[in-house]
Amino acid sequence: MLSKQIISHACKLGIFLMTMVSESLMAKTPPAKLDPEVTAELCRQNDLAACIRLSIFYEKLGQIDKAIPLYKKSCLATDHLSCQKLAKISGRQNKTKVTLRWLRAECRSPSSKGEGCYQIALIASNQKLAKSASTWFRKACTKGHKLACKSLNKPSNKEASE
């Protein structure tokens, strides 16, 4: 019961905090102790922390098809970690366009630390698209991604941005 109260209060504090709380609770709560019906009802009532917790629950059980719609709901509500999860899942399925869509969503999220931007920059770099890579490295660096900032100082990226 206490975890429901914590999740409920976390909604009022913002999506970033909800994600941290739900992942913290999930790490401490084995999947068997989560009540999927109660959590699903909270999710249907737009308790995004519950949606995140339920998506993690289903993913840990290997039920990716049940986790994906929940991650989508959370990602579209600007939870950057859910966007990252969707990018990883679609990447494992070799769905490049879908992966890029979720990475862009992660990059646009107000709570993003630039990981999605950085991953797009790496993809652009691997495809020899230096100008595009530089743009994405810059976006990631602006969000505080340290490796992206270091990448901007490499000679190949300096030339592309000039």
Protein backbone atom coordinates (compact mmCIF):
# COMPACT_ATOMS: atom_id res chain seq x y z
CA MET A 1 0.00 0.00 0.00
CA LEU A 2 2.84 2.37 0.79
CA SER A 3 4.25 2.01 -2.74
CA LYS A 4 0.86 3.06 -4.22
CA GLN A 5 0.95 6.20 -2.07
CA ILE A 6 4.53 6.97 -3.09
CA ILE A 7 3.71 6.49 -6.78
CA SER A 8 0.59 8.64 -6.46
CA HIS A 9 2.52 11.48 -4.83
CA ALA A 10 5.32 11.16 -7.38
CA CYS A 11 2.85 12.04 -10.16
CA LYS A 12 2.57 15.48 -8.67
CA LEU A 13 6.33 15.97 -8.73
CA GLY A 14 6.85 15.30 -12.44
CA ILE A 15 7.66 12.52 -14.84
CA PHE A 16 11.39 12.46 -14.15
CA LEU A 17 10.82 11.80 -10.48
CA MET A 18 8.11 9.25 -11.26
CA THR A 19 10.56 7.29 -13.35
CA MET A 20 13.17 7.31 -10.60
CA VAL A 21 10.62 6.26 -7.96
CA SER A 22 9.10 3.50 -10.05
CA GLU A 23 12.48 2.04 -11.03
CA SER A 24 13.63 2.24 -7.43
CA LEU A 25 10.51 0.45 -6.23
CA MET A 26 10.80 -2.13 -8.98
CA ALA A 27 14.38 -2.88 -8.02
CA LYS A 28 13.24 -3.55 -4.46
CA THR A 29 10.02 -5.37 -5.33
CA PRO A 30 10.25 -8.77 -7.00
CA PRO A 31 7.84 -9.12 -9.95
CA ALA A 32 5.70 -11.63 -8.03
CA LYS A 33 4.76 -8.97 -5.44
CA LEU A 34 3.43 -6.48 -7.98
CA ASP A 35 -0.33 -6.65 -8.49
CA PRO A 36 -0.66 -6.19 -12.27
CA GLU A 37 -4.42 -5.58 -12.11
CA VAL A 38 -4.15 -2.78 -9.56
CA THR A 39 -1.15 -1.27 -11.32
CA ALA A 40 -2.89 -1.49 -14.71
CA GLU A 41 -5.91 0.32 -13.27
CA LEU A 42 -3.66 3.09 -11.96
CA CYS A 43 -2.05 3.28 -15.40
CA ARG A 44 -5.47 3.57 -17.07
CA GLN A 45 -6.11 6.51 -14.73
CA ASN A 46 -2.99 8.16 -16.23
CA ASP A 47 -0.70 7.41 -13.30
CA LEU A 48 2.42 7.28 -15.45
CA ALA A 49 4.61 5.94 -12.66
CA ALA A 50 2.28 2.93 -12.54
CA CYS A 51 2.57 2.54 -16.33
CA ILE A 52 6.36 2.60 -16.07
CA ARG A 53 6.36 0.11 -13.20
CA LEU A 54 4.02 -2.23 -15.08
CA SER A 55 6.11 -2.01 -18.26
CA ILE A 56 9.25 -2.93 -16.29
CA PHE A 57 7.31 -5.77 -14.66
CA TYR A 58 6.24 -7.21 -18.04
CA GLU A 59 9.70 -6.75 -19.53
CA LYS A 60 11.29 -8.65 -16.62
CA LEU A 61 8.80 -11.46 -17.22
CA GLY A 62 9.81 -11.52 -20.90
CA GLN A 63 6.39 -10.27 -22.00
CA ILE A 64 7.71 -7.56 -24.31
CA ASP A 65 4.42 -7.31 -26.26
CA LYS A 66 2.68 -6.20 -23.05
CA ALA A 67 5.52 -3.85 -22.06
CA ILE A 68 5.76 -1.94 -25.36
CA PRO A 69 2.36 -0.14 -25.24
CA LEU A 70 3.05 0.91 -21.66
CA TYR A 71 6.51 2.22 -22.55
CA LYS A 72 4.92 4.07 -25.50
CA LYS A 73 2.38 5.75 -23.25
CA SER A 74 5.13 6.85 -20.86
CA CYS A 75 7.47 7.96 -23.65
CA LEU A 76 4.77 10.03 -25.32
CA ALA A 77 4.20 11.67 -21.93
CA THR A 78 7.90 12.72 -22.08
CA ASP A 79 9.51 10.02 -19.91
CA HIS A 80 12.93 9.80 -21.54
CA LEU A 81 13.80 6.44 -19.96
CA SER A 82 10.75 4.81 -21.52
CA CYS A 83 11.82 6.23 -24.89
CA GLN A 84 15.27 4.69 -24.36
CA LYS A 85 13.69 1.32 -23.54
CA LEU A 86 11.63 1.46 -26.75
CA ALA A 87 14.74 2.34 -28.76
CA LYS A 88 16.61 -0.63 -27.27
CA ILE A 89 13.74 -3.01 -27.92
CA SER A 90 13.28 -1.89 -31.54
CA GLY A 91 17.07 -1.92 -32.01
CA ARG A 92 17.21 -5.56 -30.90
CA GLN A 93 14.49 -6.26 -33.48
CA ASN A 94 16.59 -4.51 -36.18
CA LYS A 95 13.90 -1.89 -36.77
CA THR A 96 16.18 1.05 -37.58
CA LYS A 97 13.51 3.62 -38.48
CA VAL A 98 11.51 2.81 -35.35
CA THR A 99 14.67 2.97 -33.24
CA LEU A 100 15.50 6.40 -34.63
CA ARG A 101 11.95 7.62 -33.92
CA TRP A 102 12.25 6.63 -30.23
CA LEU A 103 15.76 8.09 -29.97
CA ARG A 104 14.44 11.41 -31.35
CA ALA A 105 11.58 11.28 -28.83
CA GLU A 106 14.09 10.69 -26.03
CA CYS A 107 16.18 13.60 -27.27
CA ARG A 108 13.15 15.94 -27.29
CA SER A 109 12.08 14.97 -23.77
CA PRO A 110 12.55 17.76 -21.22
CA SER A 111 14.04 15.24 -18.77
CA SER A 112 16.50 13.84 -21.33
CA LYS A 113 20.20 13.86 -20.53
CA GLY A 114 21.02 13.64 -24.24
CA GLU A 115 21.44 9.88 -24.65
CA GLY A 116 19.01 9.67 -27.58
CA CYS A 117 20.70 12.60 -29.33
CA TYR A 118 24.08 10.99 -28.74
CA GLN A 119 22.98 7.62 -30.13
CA ILE A 120 21.62 9.31 -33.28
CA ALA A 121 24.95 11.14 -33.62
CA LEU A 122 26.81 7.83 -33.43
CA ILE A 123 24.57 6.32 -36.10
CA ALA A 124 25.14 9.36 -38.33
CA SER A 125 28.91 9.10 -37.73
CA ASN A 126 28.92 5.44 -38.70
CA GLN A 127 27.09 6.33 -41.91
CA LYS A 128 29.70 9.01 -42.68
CA LEU A 129 27.19 11.85 -42.23
CA ALA A 130 29.56 14.21 -40.43
CA LYS A 131 27.38 17.33 -40.60
CA SER A 132 24.33 15.52 -39.23
CA ALA A 133 26.44 13.80 -36.57
CA SER A 134 27.83 17.15 -35.46
CA THR A 135 24.30 18.57 -35.10
CA TRP A 136 23.19 15.64 -32.93
CA PHE A 137 26.40 15.70 -30.87
CA ARG A 138 25.74 19.41 -30.24
CA LYS A 139 22.16 18.72 -29.11
CA ALA A 140 23.37 15.97 -26.78
CA CYS A 141 26.13 18.17 -25.39
CA THR A 142 23.62 20.96 -24.72
CA LYS A 143 21.65 18.47 -22.60
CA GLY A 144 24.79 17.66 -20.61
CA HIS A 145 26.00 14.45 -22.32
CA LYS A 146 29.76 14.48 -21.62
CA LEU A 147 30.81 12.01 -24.34
CA ALA A 148 28.91 14.09 -26.90
CA CYS A 149 30.79 17.20 -25.78
CA LYS A 150 34.09 15.35 -26.16
CA SER A 151 33.04 14.16 -29.62
CA LEU A 152 32.43 17.76 -30.69
CA ASN A 153 36.08 18.52 -30.03
CA LYS A 154 37.33 15.79 -32.37
CA PRO A 155 38.87 17.12 -35.61
CA SER A 156 36.38 15.38 -37.94
CA ASN A 157 33.40 16.96 -36.15
CA LYS A 158 35.01 20.41 -35.96
CA GLU A 159 35.44 20.41 -39.74
CA ALA A 160 31.81 19.36 -40.27
CA SER A 161 30.43 22.14 -38.12
CA GLU A 162 32.45 24.87 -39.84
